[in-house]
């Protein structure tokens, strides 16, 4: 398979194309083809590597989802597409601002001043 024909290669800036080809060549060529139902893997990590190789060639990434210990199963998801946005921190959907433009919702990042530490080696 010609790695220059992959969608990711076509959309990359010229200066990143050689780096992409080097990353693609680290994987077996057949992993660039769409996954098949009858593929057998030694472990979940081996299967995950195969999915990531295909995703790299197509321009997306895979993340690990749920896993079950009773029956050896694992779900994988596209990092960019899903049915809804994850909100693990239960933040508001919209950033709220007051009349001065200051953020009043919990989505605000709080910056704290850190104390200045002495340089190493410590001097007394």
N, C-alpha and C. Protein backbone atom coordinates (compact mmCIF):
# COMPACT_ATOMS: atom_id res chain seq x y z
N UNK A 1 0.84 -1.18 0.00
CA UNK A 1 0.00 0.00 0.00
C UNK A 1 0.88 1.24 0.00
N UNK A 2 0.53 2.19 -0.81
CA UNK A 2 1.28 3.45 -0.92
C UNK A 2 0.82 4.40 0.19
N UNK A 3 1.72 4.70 1.14
CA UNK A 3 1.35 5.56 2.27
C UNK A 3 1.08 7.00 1.85
N UNK A 4 1.55 7.41 0.68
CA UNK A 4 1.27 8.77 0.21
C UNK A 4 -0.16 8.91 -0.30
N UNK A 5 -0.87 7.78 -0.47
CA UNK A 5 -2.26 7.83 -0.91
C UNK A 5 -3.23 7.90 0.26
N UNK A 6 -2.74 7.78 1.48
CA UNK A 6 -3.61 7.82 2.66
C UNK A 6 -4.16 9.23 2.87
N UNK A 7 -5.40 9.35 3.39
CA UNK A 7 -6.00 10.68 3.60
C UNK A 7 -5.18 11.57 4.52
N UNK A 8 -4.57 11.01 5.55
CA UNK A 8 -3.78 11.83 6.48
C UNK A 8 -2.60 12.47 5.76
N UNK A 9 -1.91 11.71 4.93
CA UNK A 9 -0.75 12.23 4.19
C UNK A 9 -1.17 13.39 3.30
N UNK A 10 -2.29 13.26 2.64
CA UNK A 10 -2.76 14.29 1.71
C UNK A 10 -3.07 15.61 2.43
N UNK A 11 -3.49 15.53 3.70
CA UNK A 11 -3.88 16.73 4.44
C UNK A 11 -2.77 17.33 5.30
N UNK A 12 -1.62 16.69 5.33
CA UNK A 12 -0.51 17.19 6.16
C UNK A 12 0.26 18.29 5.45
N UNK A 13 0.81 19.24 6.23
CA UNK A 13 1.75 20.20 5.65
C UNK A 13 2.98 19.45 5.14
N UNK A 14 3.63 20.00 4.14
CA UNK A 14 4.78 19.35 3.49
C UNK A 14 5.87 18.97 4.48
N UNK A 15 6.15 19.81 5.47
CA UNK A 15 7.25 19.54 6.40
C UNK A 15 6.95 18.37 7.35
N UNK A 16 5.70 17.94 7.48
CA UNK A 16 5.36 16.83 8.36
C UNK A 16 5.17 15.50 7.64
N UNK A 17 5.18 15.51 6.34
CA UNK A 17 4.89 14.30 5.58
C UNK A 17 5.93 13.20 5.77
N UNK A 18 7.20 13.53 5.83
CA UNK A 18 8.23 12.51 6.03
C UNK A 18 8.11 11.88 7.41
N UNK A 19 7.79 12.68 8.43
CA UNK A 19 7.58 12.16 9.78
C UNK A 19 6.40 11.20 9.81
N UNK A 20 5.32 11.54 9.10
CA UNK A 20 4.15 10.66 9.01
C UNK A 20 4.52 9.34 8.34
N UNK A 21 5.26 9.37 7.25
CA UNK A 21 5.66 8.14 6.56
C UNK A 21 6.52 7.27 7.48
N UNK A 22 7.39 7.89 8.26
CA UNK A 22 8.21 7.12 9.21
C UNK A 22 7.34 6.44 10.26
N UNK A 23 6.32 7.13 10.75
CA UNK A 23 5.41 6.54 11.75
C UNK A 23 4.60 5.40 11.14
N UNK A 24 4.16 5.56 9.92
CA UNK A 24 3.39 4.52 9.23
C UNK A 24 4.23 3.27 9.01
N UNK A 25 5.49 3.44 8.68
CA UNK A 25 6.38 2.30 8.40
C UNK A 25 6.72 1.49 9.64
N UNK A 26 6.41 1.99 10.82
CA UNK A 26 6.63 1.24 12.06
C UNK A 26 5.60 0.13 12.25
N UNK A 27 4.57 0.11 11.42
CA UNK A 27 3.47 -0.85 11.54
C UNK A 27 3.44 -1.77 10.32
N UNK A 28 2.87 -2.97 10.49
CA UNK A 28 2.69 -3.85 9.33
C UNK A 28 1.77 -3.18 8.30
N UNK A 29 2.06 -3.39 7.03
CA UNK A 29 1.31 -2.75 5.94
C UNK A 29 -0.17 -3.11 6.00
N UNK A 30 -0.50 -4.36 6.34
CA UNK A 30 -1.91 -4.78 6.36
C UNK A 30 -2.71 -4.07 7.46
N UNK A 31 -2.05 -3.48 8.45
CA UNK A 31 -2.75 -2.74 9.49
C UNK A 31 -3.29 -1.41 8.98
N UNK A 32 -2.86 -0.97 7.82
CA UNK A 32 -3.37 0.27 7.24
C UNK A 32 -4.72 0.06 6.56
N UNK A 33 -5.09 -1.19 6.33
CA UNK A 33 -6.38 -1.53 5.72
C UNK A 33 -7.45 -1.55 6.79
N UNK A 34 -8.73 -1.38 6.43
CA UNK A 34 -9.81 -1.40 7.43
C UNK A 34 -9.82 -2.71 8.22
N UNK A 35 -10.12 -2.64 9.53
CA UNK A 35 -10.20 -3.85 10.36
C UNK A 35 -11.25 -4.82 9.82
N UNK A 36 -10.98 -6.12 9.99
CA UNK A 36 -11.90 -7.17 9.56
C UNK A 36 -12.45 -7.91 10.78
N UNK A 37 -13.60 -8.50 10.64
CA UNK A 37 -14.23 -9.22 11.75
C UNK A 37 -13.48 -10.46 12.18
N UNK A 38 -12.75 -11.10 11.30
CA UNK A 38 -12.11 -12.37 11.63
C UNK A 38 -10.66 -12.24 12.10
N UNK A 39 -10.20 -11.05 12.42
CA UNK A 39 -8.82 -10.87 12.88
C UNK A 39 -8.68 -11.40 14.30
N UNK A 40 -7.56 -12.07 14.58
CA UNK A 40 -7.28 -12.64 15.90
C UNK A 40 -6.02 -11.97 16.44
N UNK A 41 -6.05 -11.62 17.74
CA UNK A 41 -4.93 -10.92 18.37
C UNK A 41 -4.50 -11.65 19.63
N UNK A 42 -3.25 -11.46 20.01
CA UNK A 42 -2.70 -12.10 21.20
C UNK A 42 -3.20 -11.44 22.49
N UNK A 43 -3.46 -10.14 22.43
CA UNK A 43 -3.86 -9.41 23.64
C UNK A 43 -4.67 -8.18 23.25
N UNK A 44 -5.26 -7.54 24.27
CA UNK A 44 -5.99 -6.29 24.03
C UNK A 44 -5.04 -5.21 23.53
N UNK A 45 -3.81 -5.18 24.05
CA UNK A 45 -2.85 -4.16 23.62
C UNK A 45 -2.45 -4.36 22.16
N UNK A 46 -2.32 -5.60 21.74
CA UNK A 46 -2.00 -5.90 20.34
C UNK A 46 -3.13 -5.42 19.43
N UNK A 47 -4.36 -5.67 19.83
CA UNK A 47 -5.52 -5.22 19.05
C UNK A 47 -5.58 -3.69 19.02
N UNK A 48 -5.32 -3.07 20.17
CA UNK A 48 -5.34 -1.60 20.24
C UNK A 48 -4.29 -1.00 19.32
N UNK A 49 -3.10 -1.59 19.26
CA UNK A 49 -2.04 -1.10 18.37
C UNK A 49 -2.48 -1.19 16.92
N UNK A 50 -3.17 -2.27 16.56
CA UNK A 50 -3.66 -2.43 15.19
C UNK A 50 -4.69 -1.36 14.85
N UNK A 51 -5.61 -1.09 15.78
CA UNK A 51 -6.62 -0.05 15.54
C UNK A 51 -5.99 1.33 15.43
N UNK A 52 -4.98 1.60 16.27
CA UNK A 52 -4.31 2.89 16.22
C UNK A 52 -3.56 3.08 14.90
N UNK A 53 -2.97 2.01 14.38
CA UNK A 53 -2.26 2.10 13.10
C UNK A 53 -3.23 2.46 11.98
N UNK A 54 -4.38 1.80 11.95
CA UNK A 54 -5.39 2.12 10.94
C UNK A 54 -5.88 3.56 11.12
N UNK A 55 -6.14 3.95 12.36
CA UNK A 55 -6.62 5.30 12.64
C UNK A 55 -5.60 6.36 12.22
N UNK A 56 -4.32 6.10 12.45
CA UNK A 56 -3.27 7.04 12.04
C UNK A 56 -3.32 7.28 10.54
N UNK A 57 -3.46 6.23 9.78
CA UNK A 57 -3.52 6.36 8.33
C UNK A 57 -4.75 7.08 7.84
N UNK A 58 -5.84 6.99 8.61
CA UNK A 58 -7.09 7.63 8.21
C UNK A 58 -7.28 9.02 8.81
N UNK A 59 -6.42 9.40 9.76
CA UNK A 59 -6.48 10.76 10.31
C UNK A 59 -7.32 10.91 11.56
N UNK A 60 -7.45 9.86 12.36
CA UNK A 60 -8.15 10.00 13.64
C UNK A 60 -7.43 9.15 14.68
N UNK A 61 -7.92 9.12 15.89
CA UNK A 61 -7.29 8.36 16.96
C UNK A 61 -8.34 7.55 17.70
N UNK A 62 -7.92 6.46 18.31
CA UNK A 62 -8.79 5.56 19.05
C UNK A 62 -8.44 5.67 20.53
N UNK A 63 -9.45 5.62 21.38
CA UNK A 63 -9.22 5.58 22.83
C UNK A 63 -9.87 4.32 23.38
N UNK A 64 -9.35 3.87 24.51
CA UNK A 64 -9.91 2.69 25.16
C UNK A 64 -11.16 3.08 25.93
N UNK A 65 -12.17 2.24 25.85
CA UNK A 65 -13.42 2.48 26.57
C UNK A 65 -13.59 1.47 27.68
N UNK A 66 -14.79 0.94 27.81
CA UNK A 66 -15.11 -0.01 28.86
C UNK A 66 -14.43 -1.35 28.63
N UNK A 67 -14.18 -2.05 29.73
CA UNK A 67 -13.69 -3.42 29.63
C UNK A 67 -14.40 -4.25 30.70
N UNK A 68 -14.57 -5.52 30.41
CA UNK A 68 -15.24 -6.43 31.32
C UNK A 68 -14.30 -7.55 31.68
N UNK A 69 -14.25 -7.91 32.96
CA UNK A 69 -13.37 -8.99 33.37
C UNK A 69 -14.07 -10.35 33.29
N UNK A 70 -15.41 -10.38 33.41
CA UNK A 70 -16.14 -11.65 33.36
C UNK A 70 -15.97 -12.31 31.99
N UNK A 71 -16.17 -11.55 30.95
CA UNK A 71 -15.94 -12.02 29.59
C UNK A 71 -14.89 -11.09 28.98
N UNK A 72 -13.85 -11.62 28.38
CA UNK A 72 -12.78 -10.75 27.87
C UNK A 72 -13.26 -9.90 26.69
N UNK A 73 -13.76 -8.72 27.00
CA UNK A 73 -14.24 -7.79 25.98
C UNK A 73 -13.73 -6.40 26.30
N UNK A 74 -13.60 -5.59 25.28
CA UNK A 74 -13.20 -4.19 25.48
C UNK A 74 -13.82 -3.36 24.37
N UNK A 75 -14.25 -2.14 24.71
CA UNK A 75 -14.79 -1.22 23.72
C UNK A 75 -13.75 -0.16 23.40
N UNK A 76 -13.73 0.26 22.14
CA UNK A 76 -12.84 1.33 21.69
C UNK A 76 -13.68 2.40 21.02
N UNK A 77 -13.26 3.65 21.13
CA UNK A 77 -14.00 4.77 20.58
C UNK A 77 -13.07 5.70 19.82
N UNK A 78 -13.64 6.45 18.88
CA UNK A 78 -12.90 7.50 18.20
C UNK A 78 -12.76 8.66 19.18
N UNK A 79 -11.59 9.25 19.26
CA UNK A 79 -11.36 10.33 20.22
C UNK A 79 -12.12 11.61 19.86
N UNK A 80 -12.48 11.77 18.58
CA UNK A 80 -13.13 13.00 18.14
C UNK A 80 -14.63 12.89 17.97
N UNK A 81 -15.14 11.70 17.78
CA UNK A 81 -16.56 11.54 17.48
C UNK A 81 -17.24 10.65 18.50
N UNK A 82 -18.39 11.04 18.90
CA UNK A 82 -19.18 10.26 19.85
C UNK A 82 -20.60 10.78 19.85
N UNK A 83 -21.45 10.15 20.63
CA UNK A 83 -22.84 10.59 20.66
C UNK A 83 -23.01 11.88 21.45
N UNK A 84 -22.13 12.11 22.44
CA UNK A 84 -22.20 13.37 23.20
C UNK A 84 -20.82 13.68 23.79
N UNK A 85 -20.63 14.91 24.21
CA UNK A 85 -19.38 15.34 24.81
C UNK A 85 -19.30 14.84 26.24
N UNK A 86 -18.15 14.30 26.62
CA UNK A 86 -17.97 13.86 28.00
C UNK A 86 -17.82 15.08 28.89
N UNK A 87 -18.42 15.03 30.06
CA UNK A 87 -18.32 16.12 31.02
C UNK A 87 -18.09 15.49 32.39
N UNK A 88 -16.92 14.89 32.58
CA UNK A 88 -16.61 14.19 33.83
C UNK A 88 -16.56 15.11 35.03
N UNK A 89 -16.27 16.38 34.83
CA UNK A 89 -16.17 17.33 35.94
C UNK A 89 -17.48 18.05 36.21
N UNK A 90 -18.52 17.70 35.47
CA UNK A 90 -19.87 18.27 35.64
C UNK A 90 -19.86 19.79 35.59
N UNK A 91 -19.18 20.33 34.59
CA UNK A 91 -19.12 21.77 34.38
C UNK A 91 -20.35 22.23 33.60
N UNK A 92 -20.63 23.52 33.66
CA UNK A 92 -21.75 24.08 32.91
C UNK A 92 -21.47 23.95 31.42
N UNK A 93 -22.52 23.90 30.63
CA UNK A 93 -22.37 23.78 29.18
C UNK A 93 -21.80 25.06 28.56
N UNK A 94 -22.13 26.21 29.14
CA UNK A 94 -21.73 27.50 28.58
C UNK A 94 -20.93 28.28 29.62
N UNK A 95 -19.91 28.98 29.17
CA UNK A 95 -19.13 29.85 30.06
C UNK A 95 -19.94 31.12 30.30
N UNK A 96 -20.21 31.41 31.57
CA UNK A 96 -20.99 32.60 31.92
C UNK A 96 -20.05 33.73 32.32
N UNK A 97 -20.37 34.95 31.85
CA UNK A 97 -19.54 36.12 32.15
C UNK A 97 -20.40 37.23 32.74
N UNK A 98 -19.77 38.08 33.57
CA UNK A 98 -20.49 39.24 34.11
C UNK A 98 -20.36 40.42 33.16
N UNK A 99 -20.83 41.60 33.56
CA UNK A 99 -20.84 42.76 32.68
C UNK A 99 -19.44 43.24 32.30
N UNK A 100 -18.43 42.96 33.14
CA UNK A 100 -17.05 43.34 32.83
C UNK A 100 -16.33 42.30 31.99
N UNK A 101 -16.97 41.19 31.68
CA UNK A 101 -16.36 40.14 30.88
C UNK A 101 -15.63 39.10 31.69
N UNK A 102 -15.69 39.20 33.03
CA UNK A 102 -15.04 38.21 33.89
C UNK A 102 -15.87 36.94 33.93
N UNK A 103 -15.22 35.81 33.92
CA UNK A 103 -15.92 34.52 33.97
C UNK A 103 -16.46 34.29 35.37
N UNK A 104 -17.76 33.97 35.44
CA UNK A 104 -18.41 33.74 36.73
C UNK A 104 -18.81 32.28 36.92
N UNK A 105 -18.76 31.48 35.87
CA UNK A 105 -19.15 30.07 35.99
C UNK A 105 -17.99 29.24 36.50
N UNK A 106 -18.25 27.98 36.78
CA UNK A 106 -17.21 27.08 37.29
C UNK A 106 -16.22 26.69 36.22
N UNK A 107 -16.41 27.06 34.97
CA UNK A 107 -15.50 26.71 33.89
C UNK A 107 -14.22 27.56 33.92
N UNK A 108 -14.14 28.50 34.84
CA UNK A 108 -13.00 29.39 34.92
C UNK A 108 -11.77 28.66 35.44
N UNK A 109 -10.64 28.94 34.84
CA UNK A 109 -9.37 28.40 35.30
C UNK A 109 -8.82 29.37 36.34
N UNK A 110 -8.47 28.85 37.47
CA UNK A 110 -7.95 29.69 38.54
C UNK A 110 -6.44 29.58 38.55
N UNK A 111 -5.78 30.70 38.36
CA UNK A 111 -4.33 30.75 38.40
C UNK A 111 -3.90 31.20 39.78
N UNK A 112 -2.96 30.49 40.36
CA UNK A 112 -2.47 30.85 41.68
C UNK A 112 -1.00 31.21 41.56
N UNK A 113 -0.58 32.19 42.34
CA UNK A 113 0.84 32.54 42.37
C UNK A 113 1.57 31.52 43.22
N UNK A 114 2.62 30.97 42.67
CA UNK A 114 3.43 30.02 43.41
C UNK A 114 4.57 30.74 44.09
N UNK A 115 4.98 30.26 45.25
CA UNK A 115 6.10 30.91 45.93
C UNK A 115 7.39 30.72 45.13
N UNK A 116 8.25 31.70 45.21
CA UNK A 116 9.53 31.63 44.52
C UNK A 116 10.48 30.82 45.38
N UNK A 117 10.99 29.74 44.81
CA UNK A 117 11.90 28.86 45.55
C UNK A 117 13.34 29.27 45.29
N UNK A 118 14.22 29.03 46.27
CA UNK A 118 15.64 29.38 46.05
C UNK A 118 16.23 28.49 44.96
N UNK A 119 17.22 28.99 44.30
CA UNK A 119 17.89 28.23 43.23
C UNK A 119 18.70 27.09 43.83
N UNK A 120 18.93 26.07 43.04
CA UNK A 120 19.73 24.94 43.48
C UNK A 120 21.19 25.19 43.15
N UNK A 121 22.16 24.91 43.90
CA UNK A 121 22.08 24.36 45.26
C UNK A 121 21.62 25.43 46.24
N UNK A 122 20.93 24.97 47.26
CA UNK A 122 20.37 25.89 48.23
C UNK A 122 21.48 26.63 48.99
N UNK A 123 21.30 27.92 49.12
CA UNK A 123 22.27 28.71 49.88
C UNK A 123 21.63 29.16 51.19
N UNK A 124 22.39 29.23 52.21
CA UNK A 124 21.82 29.61 53.51
C UNK A 124 22.01 31.08 53.79
